[in-house]
Amino acid sequence: METTVGYLVDTNVWLERLLDQEKSEIAAVFFDTIPANKLFVSDFSIHSIGVILARLKKFDVFVKFIDDLFVNGQLEQLSLDATDLLDVIHNIQKFKLDFDDSYQFSIAQKFDLTIVTFDKDFNIKGIRKNSPDEILKKF
């Protein structure tokens, strides 16, 4: 059984499921298997997903997503304080991440979470991350 306290689910995992993309089924099994109280989402992910779904005119998908996560669900949205943004810049420089990946990493560090992602940019020593299928193998 996995011993980590919680998982910060990266934007790409949510989008795989919401847009029924190639790894949608893996994401679905992950969300069905892992208890909701162990899953967290960043404010940055929520905003990014909102931008993408609005651009695609998938307003109903975004409304259902918000309802499922926060109205009917138990997920907690995490944010960084303004001073934490200095850590984001530090992590960009240290790990050569882009802003959004560094923001996610900074939240994971602050709240002691494992990043759940399909993104290969997190394959860097010192960054605690797993793909959904890697986590499922531990359950």
C-alpha atoms as a PDB file:
ATOM      1  CA  MET A   1       0.000   0.000   0.000  1.00  0.00           C
ATOM      2  CA  GLU A   2       1.263   3.487  -0.896  1.00  0.00           C
ATOM      3  CA  THR A   3       2.353   5.449   2.175  1.00  0.00           C
ATOM      4  CA  THR A   4       2.493   8.978   0.770  1.00  0.00           C
ATOM      5  CA  VAL A   5       0.076  11.454   2.323  1.00  0.00           C
ATOM      6  CA  GLY A   6      -1.285  12.844  -0.912  1.00  0.00           C
ATOM      7  CA  TYR A   7      -0.999  13.452  -4.609  1.00  0.00           C
ATOM      8  CA  LEU A   8      -0.956  16.704  -6.552  1.00  0.00           C
ATOM      9  CA  VAL A   9      -2.663  15.816  -9.825  1.00  0.00           C
ATOM     10  CA  ASP A  10      -1.062  17.710 -12.710  1.00  0.00           C
ATOM     11  CA  THR A  11      -3.130  19.512 -15.331  1.00  0.00           C
ATOM     12  CA  ASN A  12      -2.382  16.970 -18.064  1.00  0.00           C
ATOM     13  CA  VAL A  13      -3.936  14.093 -16.092  1.00  0.00           C
ATOM     14  CA  TRP A  14      -7.194  16.008 -15.652  1.00  0.00           C
ATOM     15  CA  LEU A  15      -7.218  17.010 -19.333  1.00  0.00           C
ATOM     16  CA  GLU A  16      -6.623  13.440 -20.504  1.00  0.00           C
ATOM     17  CA  ARG A  17      -9.847  12.447 -18.766  1.00  0.00           C
ATOM     18  CA  LEU A  18     -11.888  15.560 -19.516  1.00  0.00           C
ATOM     19  CA  LEU A  19     -11.051  15.549 -23.226  1.00  0.00           C
ATOM     20  CA  ASP A  20     -11.164  11.744 -23.578  1.00  0.00           C
ATOM     21  CA  GLN A  21      -7.615  11.635 -24.912  1.00  0.00           C
ATOM     22  CA  GLU A  22      -5.228   8.711 -25.399  1.00  0.00           C
ATOM     23  CA  LYS A  23      -4.568   8.087 -21.686  1.00  0.00           C
ATOM     24  CA  SER A  24      -8.117   8.838 -20.555  1.00  0.00           C
ATOM     25  CA  GLU A  25      -8.800   5.286 -19.394  1.00  0.00           C
ATOM     26  CA  ILE A  26      -5.666   5.169 -17.215  1.00  0.00           C
ATOM     27  CA  ALA A  27      -6.685   8.501 -15.697  1.00  0.00           C
ATOM     28  CA  ALA A  28     -10.219   7.203 -15.085  1.00  0.00           C
ATOM     29  CA  VAL A  29      -8.963   4.105 -13.263  1.00  0.00           C
ATOM     30  CA  PHE A  30      -6.616   6.301 -11.217  1.00  0.00           C
ATOM     31  CA  PHE A  31      -9.449   8.642 -10.174  1.00  0.00           C
ATOM     32  CA  ASP A  32     -11.737   5.683  -9.389  1.00  0.00           C
ATOM     33  CA  THR A  33      -9.080   3.882  -7.317  1.00  0.00           C
ATOM     34  CA  ILE A  34      -7.359   6.585  -5.283  1.00  0.00           C
ATOM     35  CA  PRO A  35      -9.447   8.037  -2.434  1.00  0.00           C
ATOM     36  CA  ALA A  36     -10.504  11.617  -3.166  1.00  0.00           C
ATOM     37  CA  ASN A  37      -9.132  12.828   0.161  1.00  0.00           C
ATOM     38  CA  LYS A  38      -5.629  11.901  -1.055  1.00  0.00           C
ATOM     39  CA  LEU A  39      -5.955  13.943  -4.266  1.00  0.00           C
ATOM     40  CA  PHE A  40      -5.199  17.648  -4.578  1.00  0.00           C
ATOM     41  CA  VAL A  41      -5.335  20.149  -7.428  1.00  0.00           C
ATOM     42  CA  SER A  42      -3.582  23.490  -7.766  1.00  0.00           C
ATOM     43  CA  ASP A  43      -5.334  26.747  -8.497  1.00  0.00           C
ATOM     44  CA  PHE A  44      -3.014  26.996 -11.506  1.00  0.00           C
ATOM     45  CA  SER A  45      -4.397  23.709 -12.877  1.00  0.00           C
ATOM     46  CA  ILE A  46      -7.990  24.850 -12.383  1.00  0.00           C
ATOM     47  CA  HIS A  47      -7.299  28.103 -14.245  1.00  0.00           C
ATOM     48  CA  SER A  48      -5.376  26.348 -17.033  1.00  0.00           C
ATOM     49  CA  ILE A  49      -8.140  23.794 -17.508  1.00  0.00           C
ATOM     50  CA  GLY A  50     -10.679  26.620 -17.563  1.00  0.00           C
ATOM     51  CA  VAL A  51      -8.720  28.466 -20.254  1.00  0.00           C
ATOM     52  CA  ILE A  52      -8.357  25.339 -22.403  1.00  0.00           C
ATOM     53  CA  LEU A  53     -11.976  24.221 -22.082  1.00  0.00           C
ATOM     54  CA  ALA A  54     -13.277  27.758 -22.714  1.00  0.00           C
ATOM     55  CA  ARG A  55     -11.116  28.010 -25.825  1.00  0.00           C
ATOM     56  CA  LEU A  56     -12.645  24.708 -26.999  1.00  0.00           C
ATOM     57  CA  LYS A  57     -16.139  25.994 -26.055  1.00  0.00           C
ATOM     58  CA  LYS A  58     -16.568  23.038 -23.690  1.00  0.00           C
ATOM     59  CA  PHE A  59     -18.246  25.090 -20.987  1.00  0.00           C
ATOM     60  CA  ASP A  60     -20.448  22.200 -19.858  1.00  0.00           C
ATOM     61  CA  VAL A  61     -17.355  20.027 -19.322  1.00  0.00           C
ATOM     62  CA  PHE A  62     -15.795  22.712 -17.116  1.00  0.00           C
ATOM     63  CA  VAL A  63     -18.984  23.167 -15.071  1.00  0.00           C
ATOM     64  CA  LYS A  64     -19.231  19.391 -14.509  1.00  0.00           C
ATOM     65  CA  PHE A  65     -15.523  19.276 -13.602  1.00  0.00           C
ATOM     66  CA  ILE A  66     -15.939  21.983 -10.942  1.00  0.00           C
ATOM     67  CA  ASP A  67     -19.114  20.346  -9.627  1.00  0.00           C
ATOM     68  CA  ASP A  68     -17.453  16.916  -9.436  1.00  0.00           C
ATOM     69  CA  LEU A  69     -14.337  18.203  -7.674  1.00  0.00           C
ATOM     70  CA  PHE A  70     -15.629  20.827  -5.282  1.00  0.00           C
ATOM     71  CA  VAL A  71     -19.421  20.883  -5.072  1.00  0.00           C
ATOM     72  CA  ASN A  72     -20.017  17.126  -4.899  1.00  0.00           C
ATOM     73  CA  GLY A  73     -16.444  15.988  -4.250  1.00  0.00           C
ATOM     74  CA  GLN A  74     -13.841  16.184  -1.518  1.00  0.00           C
ATOM     75  CA  LEU A  75     -10.899  17.618  -3.427  1.00  0.00           C
ATOM     76  CA  GLU A  76      -8.944  20.496  -2.015  1.00  0.00           C
ATOM     77  CA  GLN A  77      -7.555  23.257  -4.212  1.00  0.00           C
ATOM     78  CA  LEU A  78      -4.073  24.393  -3.186  1.00  0.00           C
ATOM     79  CA  SER A  79      -2.440  27.755  -3.838  1.00  0.00           C
ATOM     80  CA  LEU A  80       0.866  29.478  -3.334  1.00  0.00           C
ATOM     81  CA  ASP A  81       1.215  32.696  -1.372  1.00  0.00           C
ATOM     82  CA  ALA A  82       2.772  35.664  -3.148  1.00  0.00           C
ATOM     83  CA  THR A  83       6.102  35.082  -1.396  1.00  0.00           C
ATOM     84  CA  ASP A  84       6.068  31.434  -2.538  1.00  0.00           C
ATOM     85  CA  LEU A  85       6.385  32.692  -6.099  1.00  0.00           C
ATOM     86  CA  LEU A  86      10.052  33.310  -5.323  1.00  0.00           C
ATOM     87  CA  ASP A  87      10.358  29.519  -4.949  1.00  0.00           C
ATOM     88  CA  VAL A  88       8.757  29.121  -8.378  1.00  0.00           C
ATOM     89  CA  ILE A  89      11.499  31.278  -9.922  1.00  0.00           C
ATOM     90  CA  HIS A  90      14.188  29.445  -7.943  1.00  0.00           C
ATOM     91  CA  ASN A  91      12.883  26.079  -9.194  1.00  0.00           C
ATOM     92  CA  ILE A  92      12.756  27.328 -12.789  1.00  0.00           C
ATOM     93  CA  GLN A  93      16.442  28.168 -12.545  1.00  0.00           C
ATOM     94  CA  LYS A  94      17.478  25.079 -10.582  1.00  0.00           C
ATOM     95  CA  PHE A  95      15.522  22.428 -12.504  1.00  0.00           C
ATOM     96  CA  LYS A  96      15.104  24.165 -15.899  1.00  0.00           C
ATOM     97  CA  LEU A  97      11.312  23.883 -15.654  1.00  0.00           C
ATOM     98  CA  ASP A  98       8.802  26.160 -17.340  1.00  0.00           C
ATOM     99  CA  PHE A  99       6.621  28.359 -15.137  1.00  0.00           C
ATOM    100  CA  ASP A 100       3.614  26.048 -14.895  1.00  0.00           C
ATOM    101  CA  ASP A 101       5.705  22.964 -14.055  1.00  0.00           C
ATOM    102  CA  SER A 102       7.693  24.943 -11.501  1.00  0.00           C
ATOM    103  CA  TYR A 103       4.456  26.211  -9.936  1.00  0.00           C
ATOM    104  CA  GLN A 104       3.190  22.632  -9.593  1.00  0.00           C
ATOM    105  CA  PHE A 105       6.518  21.483  -8.161  1.00  0.00           C
ATOM    106  CA  SER A 106       6.542  24.367  -5.663  1.00  0.00           C
ATOM    107  CA  ILE A 107       3.071  23.406  -4.434  1.00  0.00           C
ATOM    108  CA  ALA A 108       4.111  19.753  -4.157  1.00  0.00           C
ATOM    109  CA  GLN A 109       7.126  20.792  -2.081  1.00  0.00           C
ATOM    110  CA  LYS A 110       5.147  23.156   0.134  1.00  0.00           C
ATOM    111  CA  PHE A 111       2.464  20.576   0.951  1.00  0.00           C
ATOM    112  CA  ASP A 112       4.709  17.470   0.825  1.00  0.00           C
ATOM    113  CA  LEU A 113       2.846  15.847  -2.084  1.00  0.00           C
ATOM    114  CA  THR A 114       3.845  13.535  -4.900  1.00  0.00           C
ATOM    115  CA  ILE A 115       3.152  14.970  -8.358  1.00  0.00           C
ATOM    116  CA  VAL A 116       0.948  12.746 -10.517  1.00  0.00           C
ATOM    117  CA  THR A 117       1.633  13.490 -14.158  1.00  0.00           C
ATOM    118  CA  PHE A 118       2.182  12.129 -17.637  1.00  0.00           C
ATOM    119  CA  ASP A 119       4.693  14.969 -18.188  1.00  0.00           C
ATOM    120  CA  LYS A 120       8.287  13.880 -18.824  1.00  0.00           C
ATOM    121  CA  ASP A 121       9.564  17.336 -17.776  1.00  0.00           C
ATOM    122  CA  PHE A 122       9.356  16.165 -14.170  1.00  0.00           C
ATOM    123  CA  ASN A 123      11.800  13.284 -14.773  1.00  0.00           C
ATOM    124  CA  ILE A 124      14.496  15.122 -12.838  1.00  0.00           C
ATOM    125  CA  LYS A 125      16.405  13.937  -9.793  1.00  0.00           C
ATOM    126  CA  GLY A 126      14.970  15.610  -6.720  1.00  0.00           C
ATOM    127  CA  ILE A 127      11.398  15.803  -7.995  1.00  0.00           C
ATOM    128  CA  ARG A 128       8.990  13.295  -6.441  1.00  0.00           C
ATOM    129  CA  LYS A 129       6.569  12.273  -9.169  1.00  0.00           C
ATOM    130  CA  ASN A 130       4.767   9.257 -10.583  1.00  0.00           C
ATOM    131  CA  SER A 131       2.457   8.585 -13.480  1.00  0.00           C
ATOM    132  CA  PRO A 132      -1.074   7.417 -12.655  1.00  0.00           C
ATOM    133  CA  ASP A 133      -0.266   3.873 -13.787  1.00  0.00           C
ATOM    134  CA  GLU A 134       2.862   3.775 -11.586  1.00  0.00           C
ATOM    135  CA  ILE A 135       0.770   4.721  -8.562  1.00  0.00           C
ATOM    136  CA  LEU A 136      -1.910   2.170  -9.430  1.00  0.00           C
ATOM    137  CA  LYS A 137       0.723  -0.595  -9.385  1.00  0.00           C
ATOM    138  CA  LYS A 138       1.335   0.224  -5.710  1.00  0.00           C
ATOM    139  CA  PHE A 139      -2.335  -0.211  -4.750  1.00  0.00           C
END
